[in-house]
Amino acid sequence: MLRTGQRVFGENRVQEAQGRWKARREAGLDLELRLIGPLQSNKAQDAVALFDVIETLDRTKLAAALADACAKVGRAPKLYVQVNTGEEEQKAGVAPADADGFIASVRRDYGFEIEGLMCIPPADEPAGPHFALLAKIAARNGVAKLSMGMSADYEIAVLFGATSVRVGSALFGARDYSAA
């Protein structure tokens, strides 16, 4: 992908991304790295050091860890709040009813600018209503960017205002979780 000019990459895990990108980044390769997978608070400093964008801010404990990491590392990645539009127990993200308060609190308490919102709709439901909900939350909160849509539903996401989509499986094939 690098040979074709691709320079924006999403990664699910901090450790995998470090192995794949740290040396390239240190060598000065022009990249934008986005963390699109869940982030544990204890990995915040590594994430802040490597990623340009973290799309999975979803709890106060993580906001505090990111604020500490930004101060220690001396850089601040762009942040997206992950909203669990389907309110699925197995997924991370702020509940839609709590999104406005959470966004306000991380702005107020940690001084964060929230660049965007991210969601992953339930696999067994139409994606459109979830994308519409995320767009409404963004508009209410003055958030300009929306990361929504994946390989199977990116066209719908674009119709609802997506500014970035995650199409890794269309480009690289399905992820092999047995190797992780």
N, C-alpha and C. Protein backbone atom coordinates (compact mmCIF):
# COMPACT_ATOMS: atom_id res chain seq x y z
N MET A 1 0.81 -1.19 0.00
CA MET A 1 0.00 0.00 0.00
C MET A 1 0.86 1.26 0.00
N LEU A 2 1.97 1.23 0.69
CA LEU A 2 2.84 2.40 0.71
C LEU A 2 3.34 2.75 -0.69
N ARG A 3 3.61 1.72 -1.50
CA ARG A 3 4.11 1.97 -2.86
C ARG A 3 3.07 2.64 -3.74
N THR A 4 1.79 2.49 -3.39
CA THR A 4 0.73 3.10 -4.20
C THR A 4 0.41 4.52 -3.74
N GLY A 5 1.05 4.97 -2.66
CA GLY A 5 0.81 6.32 -2.18
C GLY A 5 -0.11 6.42 -0.98
N GLN A 6 -0.63 5.30 -0.53
CA GLN A 6 -1.50 5.31 0.66
C GLN A 6 -0.70 5.79 1.86
N ARG A 7 -1.23 6.77 2.59
CA ARG A 7 -0.51 7.32 3.73
C ARG A 7 -1.35 7.38 5.01
N VAL A 8 -2.62 7.01 4.95
CA VAL A 8 -3.48 7.01 6.14
C VAL A 8 -3.83 5.56 6.45
N PHE A 9 -3.50 5.15 7.68
CA PHE A 9 -3.73 3.75 8.07
C PHE A 9 -4.39 3.70 9.43
N GLY A 10 -5.36 2.82 9.56
CA GLY A 10 -6.00 2.56 10.83
C GLY A 10 -5.48 1.28 11.43
N GLU A 11 -5.33 1.28 12.72
CA GLU A 11 -4.84 0.09 13.44
C GLU A 11 -5.76 -0.21 14.61
N ASN A 12 -5.94 -1.49 14.90
CA ASN A 12 -6.79 -1.92 16.00
C ASN A 12 -6.05 -2.03 17.33
N ARG A 13 -4.77 -2.30 17.28
CA ARG A 13 -4.02 -2.56 18.52
C ARG A 13 -2.72 -1.77 18.55
N VAL A 14 -2.43 -1.22 19.71
CA VAL A 14 -1.24 -0.38 19.88
C VAL A 14 0.03 -1.20 19.61
N GLN A 15 0.13 -2.39 20.21
CA GLN A 15 1.37 -3.18 20.06
C GLN A 15 1.62 -3.57 18.61
N GLU A 16 0.59 -3.99 17.90
CA GLU A 16 0.77 -4.34 16.48
C GLU A 16 1.21 -3.13 15.68
N ALA A 17 0.61 -1.98 15.97
CA ALA A 17 0.97 -0.76 15.25
C ALA A 17 2.41 -0.36 15.51
N GLN A 18 2.86 -0.51 16.75
CA GLN A 18 4.26 -0.19 17.06
C GLN A 18 5.19 -1.05 16.23
N GLY A 19 4.91 -2.33 16.13
CA GLY A 19 5.75 -3.23 15.34
C GLY A 19 5.76 -2.88 13.87
N ARG A 20 4.63 -2.42 13.37
CA ARG A 20 4.50 -2.14 11.94
C ARG A 20 4.98 -0.74 11.56
N TRP A 21 4.81 0.25 12.44
CA TRP A 21 5.00 1.63 12.04
C TRP A 21 6.06 2.43 12.79
N LYS A 22 6.47 2.01 13.96
CA LYS A 22 7.37 2.84 14.78
C LYS A 22 8.66 3.17 14.02
N ALA A 23 9.30 2.18 13.46
CA ALA A 23 10.56 2.42 12.73
C ALA A 23 10.33 3.29 11.49
N ARG A 24 9.23 3.05 10.81
CA ARG A 24 8.92 3.87 9.63
C ARG A 24 8.69 5.32 10.02
N ARG A 25 7.98 5.51 11.11
CA ARG A 25 7.70 6.87 11.58
C ARG A 25 9.01 7.53 12.00
N GLU A 26 9.89 6.81 12.73
CA GLU A 26 11.17 7.36 13.16
C GLU A 26 12.07 7.68 11.98
N ALA A 27 11.89 6.96 10.87
CA ALA A 27 12.67 7.22 9.66
C ALA A 27 12.13 8.41 8.86
N GLY A 28 11.03 8.99 9.35
CA GLY A 28 10.49 10.18 8.71
C GLY A 28 9.46 9.94 7.64
N LEU A 29 8.97 8.72 7.53
CA LEU A 29 7.94 8.43 6.53
C LEU A 29 6.68 9.22 6.83
N ASP A 30 6.15 9.88 5.83
CA ASP A 30 4.96 10.70 5.97
C ASP A 30 3.73 9.80 6.07
N LEU A 31 3.17 9.70 7.28
CA LEU A 31 2.03 8.83 7.55
C LEU A 31 1.03 9.54 8.43
N GLU A 32 -0.21 9.10 8.36
CA GLU A 32 -1.19 9.44 9.38
C GLU A 32 -1.67 8.12 9.95
N LEU A 33 -1.43 7.92 11.23
CA LEU A 33 -1.83 6.68 11.89
C LEU A 33 -3.01 6.95 12.79
N ARG A 34 -4.04 6.10 12.65
CA ARG A 34 -5.28 6.26 13.39
C ARG A 34 -5.53 5.01 14.22
N LEU A 35 -5.72 5.19 15.51
CA LEU A 35 -6.11 4.07 16.36
C LEU A 35 -7.62 3.94 16.29
N ILE A 36 -8.09 2.82 15.75
CA ILE A 36 -9.52 2.60 15.57
C ILE A 36 -10.05 1.47 16.45
N GLY A 37 -9.16 0.84 17.20
CA GLY A 37 -9.55 -0.21 18.12
C GLY A 37 -9.58 0.31 19.53
N PRO A 38 -10.15 -0.47 20.44
CA PRO A 38 -10.24 -0.02 21.84
C PRO A 38 -8.88 0.24 22.44
N LEU A 39 -8.83 1.21 23.35
CA LEU A 39 -7.58 1.60 23.99
C LEU A 39 -7.71 1.41 25.49
N GLN A 40 -6.78 0.63 26.05
CA GLN A 40 -6.70 0.49 27.50
C GLN A 40 -5.94 1.68 28.06
N SER A 41 -6.35 2.13 29.23
CA SER A 41 -5.72 3.30 29.85
C SER A 41 -4.22 3.12 30.01
N ASN A 42 -3.77 1.89 30.32
CA ASN A 42 -2.34 1.67 30.53
C ASN A 42 -1.52 1.74 29.24
N LYS A 43 -2.17 1.82 28.10
CA LYS A 43 -1.48 1.96 26.81
C LYS A 43 -1.57 3.38 26.26
N ALA A 44 -2.13 4.30 27.06
CA ALA A 44 -2.35 5.67 26.58
C ALA A 44 -1.06 6.35 26.14
N GLN A 45 0.00 6.21 26.91
CA GLN A 45 1.25 6.90 26.57
C GLN A 45 1.82 6.38 25.25
N ASP A 46 1.81 5.06 25.07
CA ASP A 46 2.28 4.50 23.80
C ASP A 46 1.42 4.98 22.63
N ALA A 47 0.11 5.04 22.85
CA ALA A 47 -0.80 5.48 21.79
C ALA A 47 -0.56 6.94 21.44
N VAL A 48 -0.41 7.79 22.43
CA VAL A 48 -0.16 9.21 22.18
C VAL A 48 1.16 9.41 21.43
N ALA A 49 2.16 8.61 21.77
CA ALA A 49 3.46 8.73 21.10
C ALA A 49 3.42 8.32 19.64
N LEU A 50 2.55 7.39 19.28
CA LEU A 50 2.55 6.83 17.93
C LEU A 50 1.45 7.37 17.01
N PHE A 51 0.25 7.53 17.53
CA PHE A 51 -0.90 7.82 16.67
C PHE A 51 -1.14 9.31 16.50
N ASP A 52 -1.61 9.66 15.31
CA ASP A 52 -2.01 11.03 15.00
C ASP A 52 -3.46 11.28 15.39
N VAL A 53 -4.25 10.22 15.37
CA VAL A 53 -5.67 10.29 15.69
C VAL A 53 -6.03 9.07 16.53
N ILE A 54 -6.77 9.30 17.61
CA ILE A 54 -7.31 8.21 18.42
C ILE A 54 -8.83 8.33 18.33
N GLU A 55 -9.46 7.30 17.76
CA GLU A 55 -10.89 7.37 17.49
C GLU A 55 -11.74 6.69 18.55
N THR A 56 -11.16 6.28 19.65
CA THR A 56 -11.90 5.43 20.58
C THR A 56 -11.94 5.96 22.01
N LEU A 57 -12.00 7.27 22.18
CA LEU A 57 -12.16 7.85 23.51
C LEU A 57 -13.60 7.59 23.95
N ASP A 58 -13.75 6.89 25.09
CA ASP A 58 -15.11 6.49 25.48
C ASP A 58 -15.37 6.47 26.98
N ARG A 59 -14.41 6.95 27.79
CA ARG A 59 -14.64 6.94 29.23
C ARG A 59 -13.71 7.94 29.89
N THR A 60 -14.14 8.40 31.06
CA THR A 60 -13.40 9.43 31.79
C THR A 60 -12.02 8.95 32.18
N LYS A 61 -11.89 7.70 32.62
CA LYS A 61 -10.58 7.17 33.01
C LYS A 61 -9.60 7.25 31.84
N LEU A 62 -10.06 6.95 30.64
CA LEU A 62 -9.20 7.03 29.47
C LEU A 62 -8.86 8.49 29.15
N ALA A 63 -9.82 9.39 29.30
CA ALA A 63 -9.54 10.82 29.06
C ALA A 63 -8.44 11.31 29.99
N ALA A 64 -8.51 10.91 31.27
CA ALA A 64 -7.48 11.31 32.23
C ALA A 64 -6.12 10.73 31.85
N ALA A 65 -6.10 9.47 31.44
CA ALA A 65 -4.84 8.84 31.03
C ALA A 65 -4.27 9.51 29.78
N LEU A 66 -5.13 9.87 28.84
CA LEU A 66 -4.67 10.56 27.63
C LEU A 66 -4.13 11.95 27.96
N ALA A 67 -4.79 12.66 28.87
CA ALA A 67 -4.30 13.98 29.27
C ALA A 67 -2.91 13.88 29.90
N ASP A 68 -2.73 12.90 30.79
CA ASP A 68 -1.41 12.68 31.40
C ASP A 68 -0.37 12.32 30.35
N ALA A 69 -0.75 11.44 29.43
CA ALA A 69 0.18 11.00 28.38
C ALA A 69 0.56 12.15 27.46
N CYS A 70 -0.40 12.99 27.11
CA CYS A 70 -0.09 14.15 26.25
C CYS A 70 0.92 15.06 26.92
N ALA A 71 0.76 15.27 28.23
CA ALA A 71 1.70 16.12 28.96
C ALA A 71 3.09 15.49 29.00
N LYS A 72 3.17 14.19 29.21
CA LYS A 72 4.46 13.50 29.30
C LYS A 72 5.17 13.43 27.94
N VAL A 73 4.41 13.11 26.90
CA VAL A 73 4.99 12.90 25.57
C VAL A 73 5.23 14.22 24.86
N GLY A 74 4.43 15.23 25.18
CA GLY A 74 4.61 16.52 24.54
C GLY A 74 3.93 16.64 23.19
N ARG A 75 2.93 15.82 22.97
CA ARG A 75 2.15 15.92 21.73
C ARG A 75 0.74 15.47 22.04
N ALA A 76 -0.19 15.91 21.21
CA ALA A 76 -1.60 15.56 21.43
C ALA A 76 -2.22 15.10 20.12
N PRO A 77 -2.59 13.84 20.04
CA PRO A 77 -3.29 13.38 18.85
C PRO A 77 -4.69 13.97 18.77
N LYS A 78 -5.24 13.98 17.59
CA LYS A 78 -6.63 14.38 17.43
C LYS A 78 -7.49 13.29 18.06
N LEU A 79 -8.61 13.70 18.65
CA LEU A 79 -9.45 12.75 19.36
C LEU A 79 -10.86 12.67 18.79
N TYR A 80 -11.36 11.45 18.75
CA TYR A 80 -12.74 11.17 18.39
C TYR A 80 -13.38 10.45 19.57
N VAL A 81 -14.61 10.76 19.84
CA VAL A 81 -15.37 10.04 20.86
C VAL A 81 -16.11 8.90 20.17
N GLN A 82 -15.95 7.70 20.72
CA GLN A 82 -16.68 6.55 20.19
C GLN A 82 -18.05 6.49 20.85
N VAL A 83 -19.08 6.43 20.02
CA VAL A 83 -20.46 6.35 20.51
C VAL A 83 -21.00 4.97 20.16
N ASN A 84 -21.51 4.29 21.15
CA ASN A 84 -22.08 2.95 20.98
C ASN A 84 -23.55 3.14 20.60
N THR A 85 -23.79 3.44 19.33
CA THR A 85 -25.14 3.80 18.87
C THR A 85 -26.14 2.66 19.05
N GLY A 86 -25.67 1.43 19.04
CA GLY A 86 -26.56 0.28 19.24
C GLY A 86 -26.69 -0.13 20.69
N GLU A 87 -25.96 0.56 21.57
CA GLU A 87 -25.95 0.25 23.01
C GLU A 87 -25.73 -1.24 23.26
N GLU A 88 -24.76 -1.80 22.52
CA GLU A 88 -24.43 -3.21 22.64
C GLU A 88 -23.46 -3.40 23.81
N GLU A 89 -23.78 -4.33 24.68
CA GLU A 89 -22.96 -4.57 25.87
C GLU A 89 -21.54 -4.98 25.53
N GLN A 90 -21.34 -5.72 24.45
CA GLN A 90 -20.01 -6.23 24.11
C GLN A 90 -19.14 -5.18 23.41
N LYS A 91 -19.70 -4.03 23.09
CA LYS A 91 -18.93 -3.00 22.39
C LYS A 91 -18.62 -1.83 23.30
N ALA A 92 -17.48 -1.23 23.04
CA ALA A 92 -17.09 -0.02 23.75
C ALA A 92 -17.88 1.15 23.18
N GLY A 93 -17.78 2.26 23.87
CA GLY A 93 -18.42 3.48 23.40
C GLY A 93 -19.36 4.07 24.42
N VAL A 94 -19.54 5.36 24.30
CA VAL A 94 -20.45 6.10 25.16
C VAL A 94 -21.87 5.86 24.65
N ALA A 95 -22.81 5.67 25.55
CA ALA A 95 -24.22 5.53 25.15
C ALA A 95 -24.67 6.84 24.51
N PRO A 96 -25.53 6.78 23.50
CA PRO A 96 -25.98 8.02 22.85
C PRO A 96 -26.55 9.04 23.82
N ALA A 97 -27.30 8.59 24.82
CA ALA A 97 -27.89 9.52 25.79
C ALA A 97 -26.84 10.22 26.65
N ASP A 98 -25.65 9.63 26.75
CA ASP A 98 -24.58 10.20 27.57
C ASP A 98 -23.54 10.97 26.75
N ALA A 99 -23.68 10.95 25.43
CA ALA A 99 -22.64 11.51 24.57
C ALA A 99 -22.45 13.01 24.78
N ASP A 100 -23.53 13.78 24.84
CA ASP A 100 -23.40 15.23 24.99
C ASP A 100 -22.66 15.58 26.27
N GLY A 101 -23.04 14.95 27.37
CA GLY A 101 -22.39 15.21 28.65
C GLY A 101 -20.94 14.79 28.65
N PHE A 102 -20.64 13.66 28.04
CA PHE A 102 -19.27 13.17 27.99
C PHE A 102 -18.39 14.13 27.17
N ILE A 103 -18.89 14.53 26.02
CA ILE A 103 -18.13 15.46 25.17
C ILE A 103 -17.86 16.76 25.93
N ALA A 104 -18.89 17.28 26.58
CA ALA A 104 -18.73 18.52 27.35
C ALA A 104 -17.71 18.34 28.47
N SER A 105 -17.75 17.21 29.15
CA SER A 105 -16.85 17.01 30.28
C SER A 105 -15.40 16.87 29.84
N VAL A 106 -15.13 16.16 28.74
CA VAL A 106 -13.72 16.03 28.32
C VAL A 106 -13.19 17.35 27.77
N ARG A 107 -14.07 18.15 27.21
CA ARG A 107 -13.64 19.49 26.79
C ARG A 107 -13.32 20.34 28.02
N ARG A 108 -14.23 20.36 28.96
CA ARG A 108 -14.10 21.20 30.16
C ARG A 108 -13.00 20.71 31.09
N ASP A 109 -13.03 19.43 31.43
CA ASP A 109 -12.14 18.90 32.47
C ASP A 109 -10.72 18.63 31.99
N TYR A 110 -10.55 18.34 30.71
CA TYR A 110 -9.22 17.98 30.20
C TYR A 110 -8.72 18.92 29.11
N GLY A 111 -9.56 19.87 28.71
CA GLY A 111 -9.16 20.82 27.69
C GLY A 111 -9.04 20.22 26.30
N PHE A 112 -9.66 19.07 26.09
CA PHE A 112 -9.56 18.41 24.79
C PHE A 112 -10.48 19.05 23.76
N GLU A 113 -9.96 19.17 22.57
CA GLU A 113 -10.78 19.48 21.41
C GLU A 113 -11.22 18.13 20.87
N ILE A 114 -12.46 17.97 20.61
CA ILE A 114 -12.95 16.72 20.02
C ILE A 114 -13.13 16.97 18.53
N GLU A 115 -12.30 16.29 17.74
CA GLU A 115 -12.35 16.49 16.30
C GLU A 115 -13.51 15.75 15.66
N GLY A 116 -13.86 14.57 16.21
CA GLY A 116 -14.89 13.80 15.55
C GLY A 116 -15.55 12.80 16.47
N LEU A 117 -16.52 12.11 15.89
CA LEU A 117 -17.21 11.01 16.55
C LEU A 117 -17.05 9.77 15.69
N MET A 118 -17.08 8.61 16.34
CA MET A 118 -16.95 7.34 15.64
C MET A 118 -18.01 6.38 16.15
N CYS A 119 -18.53 5.54 15.25
CA CYS A 119 -19.44 4.47 15.68
C CYS A 119 -19.25 3.25 14.80
N ILE A 120 -19.67 2.12 15.37
CA ILE A 120 -19.73 0.85 14.64
C ILE A 120 -21.12 0.28 14.91
N PRO A 121 -22.03 0.39 13.95
CA PRO A 121 -23.40 -0.09 14.18
C PRO A 121 -23.46 -1.60 14.41
N PRO A 122 -24.53 -2.06 15.03
CA PRO A 122 -24.72 -3.51 15.19
C PRO A 122 -24.74 -4.19 13.82
N ALA A 123 -24.12 -5.35 13.75
CA ALA A 123 -24.01 -6.07 12.48
C ALA A 123 -25.37 -6.53 11.95
N ASP A 124 -26.33 -6.74 12.85
CA ASP A 124 -27.61 -7.30 12.44
C ASP A 124 -28.72 -6.25 12.28
N GLU A 125 -28.33 -4.98 12.18
CA GLU A 125 -29.30 -3.90 12.00
C GLU A 125 -28.88 -3.04 10.81
N PRO A 126 -29.84 -2.37 10.18
CA PRO A 126 -29.47 -1.43 9.12
C PRO A 126 -28.58 -0.33 9.69
N ALA A 127 -27.55 0.01 8.96
CA ALA A 127 -26.58 0.99 9.46
C ALA A 127 -27.08 2.43 9.40
N GLY A 128 -27.91 2.74 8.46
CA GLY A 128 -28.36 4.12 8.24
C GLY A 128 -28.86 4.84 9.48
N PRO A 129 -29.78 4.25 10.25
CA PRO A 129 -30.25 4.95 11.46
C PRO A 129 -29.13 5.24 12.47
N HIS A 130 -28.16 4.37 12.55
CA HIS A 130 -27.04 4.59 13.47
C HIS A 130 -26.16 5.73 12.97
N PHE A 131 -25.93 5.78 11.66
CA PHE A 131 -25.14 6.87 11.09
C PHE A 131 -25.88 8.20 11.25
N ALA A 132 -27.20 8.19 11.06
CA ALA A 132 -27.99 9.41 11.24
C ALA A 132 -27.92 9.89 12.68
N LEU A 133 -28.00 8.97 13.63
CA LEU A 133 -27.91 9.32 15.05
C LEU A 133 -26.56 9.95 15.36
N LEU A 134 -25.48 9.36 14.86
CA LEU A 134 -24.15 9.91 15.11
C LEU A 134 -24.03 11.31 14.53
N ALA A 135 -24.57 11.52 13.34
CA ALA A 135 -24.52 12.84 12.71
C ALA A 135 -25.29 13.87 13.54
N LYS A 136 -26.42 13.48 14.12
CA LYS A 136 -27.19 14.40 14.97
C LYS A 136 -26.42 14.76 16.24
N ILE A 137 -25.79 13.77 16.86
CA ILE A 137 -25.00 14.04 18.06
C ILE A 137 -23.85 14.99 17.71
N ALA A 138 -23.20 14.75 16.58
CA ALA A 138 -22.09 15.62 16.15
C ALA A 138 -22.58 17.05 15.94
N ALA A 139 -23.70 17.21 15.25
CA ALA A 139 -24.21 18.56 14.97
C ALA A 139 -24.55 19.30 16.26
N ARG A 140 -25.16 18.61 17.22
CA ARG A 140 -25.52 19.24 18.50
C ARG A 140 -24.29 19.72 19.27
N ASN A 141 -23.18 19.03 19.06
CA ASN A 141 -21.96 19.31 19.84
C ASN A 141 -20.89 20.05 19.06
N GLY A 142 -21.21 20.51 17.87
CA GLY A 142 -20.25 21.24 17.07
C GLY A 142 -19.03 20.43 16.68
N VAL A 143 -19.24 19.15 16.41
CA VAL A 143 -18.16 18.24 16.02
C VAL A 143 -18.25 18.04 14.50
N ALA A 144 -17.15 18.29 13.82
CA ALA A 144 -17.16 18.34 12.36
C ALA A 144 -16.97 17.00 11.66
N LYS A 145 -16.28 16.06 12.26
CA LYS A 145 -15.89 14.86 11.52
C LYS A 145 -16.59 13.62 12.05
N LEU A 146 -16.88 12.72 11.13
CA LEU A 146 -17.57 11.47 11.45
C LEU A 146 -16.82 10.29 10.86
N SER A 147 -16.37 9.40 11.71
CA SER A 147 -15.74 8.16 11.28
C SER A 147 -16.78 7.06 11.44
N MET A 148 -17.34 6.67 10.33
CA MET A 148 -18.39 5.65 10.37
C MET A 148 -18.44 4.98 9.02
N GLY A 149 -18.77 3.72 9.06
CA GLY A 149 -18.83 2.93 7.84
C GLY A 149 -17.59 2.08 7.69
N MET A 150 -17.84 0.86 7.25
CA MET A 150 -16.75 -0.08 6.97
C MET A 150 -16.93 -0.63 5.57
N SER A 151 -16.17 -1.63 5.23
CA SER A 151 -16.16 -2.14 3.86
C SER A 151 -17.56 -2.48 3.35
N ALA A 152 -18.43 -3.01 4.20
CA ALA A 152 -19.75 -3.45 3.76
C ALA A 152 -20.78 -2.32 3.69
N ASP A 153 -20.56 -1.21 4.38
CA ASP A 153 -21.61 -0.18 4.44
C ASP A 153 -21.08 1.25 4.23
N TYR A 154 -19.89 1.39 3.67
CA TYR A 154 -19.30 2.71 3.55
C TYR A 154 -20.11 3.65 2.67
N GLU A 155 -20.79 3.10 1.66
CA GLU A 155 -21.57 3.96 0.77
C GLU A 155 -22.72 4.62 1.53
N ILE A 156 -23.36 3.88 2.40
CA ILE A 156 -24.42 4.43 3.24
C ILE A 156 -23.84 5.47 4.19
N ALA A 157 -22.69 5.17 4.76
CA ALA A 157 -22.05 6.10 5.69
C ALA A 157 -21.76 7.43 5.00
N VAL A 158 -21.29 7.39 3.78
CA VAL A 158 -20.98 8.61 3.05
C VAL A 158 -22.26 9.43 2.84
N LEU A 159 -23.36 8.76 2.55
CA LEU A 159 -24.64 9.46 2.38
C LEU A 159 -25.06 10.21 3.66
N PHE A 160 -24.66 9.69 4.81
CA PHE A 160 -25.00 10.31 6.09
C PHE A 160 -23.91 11.24 6.61
N GLY A 161 -22.89 11.51 5.80
CA GLY A 161 -21.91 12.52 6.16
C GLY A 161 -20.57 12.02 6.67
N ALA A 162 -20.25 10.76 6.48
CA ALA A 162 -18.95 10.24 6.93
C ALA A 162 -17.82 11.05 6.29
N THR A 163 -16.85 11.40 7.11
CA THR A 163 -15.65 12.06 6.60
C THR A 163 -14.48 11.08 6.52
N SER A 164 -14.63 9.93 7.18
CA SER A 164 -13.67 8.84 7.00
C SER A 164 -14.41 7.53 7.20
N VAL A 165 -13.93 6.52 6.48
CA VAL A 165 -14.51 5.18 6.55
C VAL A 165 -13.38 4.19 6.75
N ARG A 166 -13.73 3.03 7.30
CA ARG A 166 -12.73 2.00 7.57
C ARG A 166 -12.97 0.85 6.58
N VAL A 167 -12.09 0.74 5.62
CA VAL A 167 -12.28 -0.25 4.55
C VAL A 167 -11.13 -1.26 4.49
N GLY A 168 -10.55 -1.55 5.64
CA GLY A 168 -9.41 -2.46 5.69
C GLY A 168 -9.70 -3.83 5.14
N SER A 169 -10.85 -4.41 5.46
CA SER A 169 -11.10 -5.78 4.98
C SER A 169 -11.30 -5.80 3.47
N ALA A 170 -11.78 -4.71 2.88
CA ALA A 170 -11.89 -4.66 1.42
C ALA A 170 -10.51 -4.60 0.78
N LEU A 171 -9.55 -3.96 1.46
CA LEU A 171 -8.20 -3.82 0.92
C LEU A 171 -7.29 -4.99 1.27
N PHE A 172 -7.39 -5.46 2.52
CA PHE A 172 -6.43 -6.44 3.04
C PHE A 172 -7.04 -7.82 3.29
N GLY A 173 -8.35 -7.94 3.19
CA GLY A 173 -9.01 -9.20 3.51
C GLY A 173 -9.43 -9.22 4.97
N ALA A 174 -10.17 -10.22 5.34
CA ALA A 174 -10.66 -10.34 6.71
C ALA A 174 -9.47 -10.52 7.66
N ARG A 175 -9.62 -9.95 8.84
CA ARG A 175 -8.56 -10.04 9.85
C ARG A 175 -8.51 -11.47 10.39
N ASP A 176 -7.30 -11.98 10.54
CA ASP A 176 -7.08 -13.32 11.11
C ASP A 176 -6.84 -13.15 12.61
N TYR A 177 -7.88 -13.39 13.40
CA TYR A 177 -7.76 -13.19 14.85
C TYR A 177 -7.01 -14.34 15.52
N SER A 178 -6.83 -15.44 14.83
CA SER A 178 -6.08 -16.54 15.44
C SER A 178 -4.60 -16.20 15.60
N ALA A 179 -4.11 -15.28 14.78
CA ALA A 179 -2.70 -14.88 14.84
C ALA A 179 -2.46 -13.78 15.86
N ALA A 180 -3.51 -13.17 16.33
CA ALA A 180 -3.36 -12.02 17.25
C ALA A 180 -3.10 -12.47 18.66
